Amino acid sequence: MKPLRSMTRREIEAYIGQKREAMRKAEMMGIENEYHVNERQVLIAESYLIDLSQIEKGKIYKIVSNEDHYFKVEYIKGVFAWGFFIGGRENETGIPVSMLQLKRKG
């Protein structure tokens, strides 16, 4: 398989579909760790479909599917937003940009 960064949008979408199917199968079989590995791969792949210019440094974003958590973006490196969870105790951390709840265009 070629790296995500060199795939077309269509190839990335197909890859995401394959990983979601693998998640479904892992869930049905009760293989939790395999489910989470595929889930993380989907999040990273989805990050390649995001226009990074939508993300503002210094801004606080809600986390997708967990609206009680907020993340302050310090900088972007690749498809990861680096910064801090609001109220979190950990040091600087990186998360796939697809985890940030961005405003939808249109």
Protein backbone atom coordinates (compact mmCIF):
# COMPACT_ATOMS: atom_id res chain seq x y z
CA MET A 1 0.00 0.00 0.00
CA LYS A 2 1.27 3.46 -0.81
CA PRO A 3 1.45 6.18 1.86
CA LEU A 4 -1.72 8.15 2.58
CA ARG A 5 -0.01 11.42 1.64
CA SER A 6 0.46 10.20 -1.93
CA MET A 7 -3.09 8.82 -2.38
CA THR A 8 -5.86 10.58 -4.26
CA ARG A 9 -9.05 11.61 -2.45
CA ARG A 10 -10.86 8.61 -3.97
CA GLU A 11 -8.12 6.21 -2.82
CA ILE A 12 -8.24 7.62 0.71
CA GLU A 13 -12.03 7.28 0.79
CA ALA A 14 -11.72 3.63 -0.36
CA TYR A 15 -9.08 3.01 2.33
CA ILE A 16 -11.39 4.53 4.97
CA GLY A 17 -14.20 2.24 3.77
CA GLN A 18 -11.94 -0.81 4.14
CA LYS A 19 -10.88 0.20 7.63
CA ARG A 20 -14.48 0.85 8.71
CA GLU A 21 -15.41 -2.62 7.48
CA ALA A 22 -12.48 -4.04 9.49
CA MET A 23 -13.78 -2.10 12.52
CA ARG A 24 -17.24 -3.61 12.05
CA LYS A 25 -15.83 -7.14 11.84
CA ALA A 26 -13.57 -6.63 14.87
CA GLU A 27 -16.52 -5.31 16.86
CA MET A 28 -18.66 -8.31 15.89
CA MET A 29 -15.87 -10.68 16.93
CA GLY A 30 -15.24 -8.78 20.17
CA ILE A 31 -11.62 -7.95 19.31
CA GLU A 32 -11.40 -4.56 21.00
CA ASN A 33 -7.74 -3.76 20.31
CA GLU A 34 -8.12 -4.47 16.58
CA TYR A 35 -11.20 -2.23 16.53
CA HIS A 36 -9.24 0.64 18.10
CA VAL A 37 -6.26 0.24 15.76
CA ASN A 38 -8.55 0.48 12.73
CA GLU A 39 -10.45 3.39 14.30
CA ARG A 40 -7.18 5.31 14.71
CA GLN A 41 -6.21 4.55 11.11
CA VAL A 42 -9.57 5.97 9.96
CA LEU A 43 -9.01 9.16 11.98
CA ILE A 44 -5.58 9.65 10.45
CA ALA A 45 -6.81 8.93 6.91
CA GLU A 46 -9.73 11.36 7.35
CA SER A 47 -7.21 14.01 8.37
CA TYR A 48 -5.75 13.92 4.86
CA LEU A 49 -9.15 15.04 3.52
CA ILE A 50 -9.28 18.20 5.69
CA ASP A 51 -8.30 21.65 4.48
CA LEU A 52 -5.67 22.52 7.09
CA SER A 53 -6.17 26.25 6.43
CA GLN A 54 -9.46 25.95 8.38
CA ILE A 55 -7.52 25.34 11.61
CA GLU A 56 -6.39 28.41 13.51
CA LYS A 57 -3.42 28.30 15.86
CA GLY A 58 -4.34 29.39 19.37
CA LYS A 59 -8.01 28.53 18.90
CA ILE A 60 -9.94 26.08 21.08
CA TYR A 61 -11.94 23.36 19.32
CA LYS A 62 -14.47 20.82 20.54
CA ILE A 63 -13.46 17.21 20.01
CA VAL A 64 -15.70 15.37 17.52
CA SER A 65 -18.05 12.86 19.19
CA ASN A 66 -16.95 13.99 22.65
CA GLU A 67 -18.24 17.51 23.08
CA ASP A 68 -17.23 17.67 26.74
CA HIS A 69 -13.59 17.77 25.67
CA TYR A 70 -11.84 20.77 24.16
CA PHE A 71 -8.41 21.09 22.56
CA LYS A 72 -6.29 24.22 22.13
CA VAL A 73 -4.22 24.07 18.95
CA GLU A 74 -0.68 25.42 19.30
CA TYR A 75 0.57 24.30 15.86
CA ILE A 76 -0.01 21.86 13.01
CA LYS A 77 2.59 19.33 11.93
CA GLY A 78 1.58 17.09 9.06
CA VAL A 79 -2.03 16.09 9.72
CA PHE A 80 -1.71 16.36 13.50
CA ALA A 81 -2.77 19.28 15.67
CA TRP A 82 -0.39 19.76 18.58
CA GLY A 83 -1.49 21.46 21.76
CA PHE A 84 -3.33 20.78 24.99
CA PHE A 85 -6.66 19.39 26.18
CA ILE A 86 -8.43 22.07 28.20
CA GLY A 87 -8.42 20.96 31.84
CA GLY A 88 -6.11 18.08 30.97
CA ARG A 89 -3.10 17.14 33.05
CA GLU A 90 -0.84 15.88 30.31
CA ASN A 91 1.90 17.74 28.52
CA GLU A 92 1.63 18.83 24.92
CA THR A 93 0.01 16.15 22.78
CA GLY A 94 -0.78 15.57 19.11
CA ILE A 95 -4.13 14.45 17.74
CA PRO A 96 -5.29 13.83 14.16
CA VAL A 97 -6.92 17.03 12.82
CA SER A 98 -10.02 14.99 11.96
CA MET A 99 -10.78 14.90 15.70
CA LEU A 100 -11.32 18.68 15.75
CA GLN A 101 -14.87 19.88 15.24
CA LEU A 102 -14.48 22.39 12.40
CA LYS A 103 -17.12 24.68 10.97
CA ARG A 104 -18.67 23.20 7.83
CA LYS A 105 -18.40 25.23 4.66
CA GLY A 106 -21.60 26.21 2.93
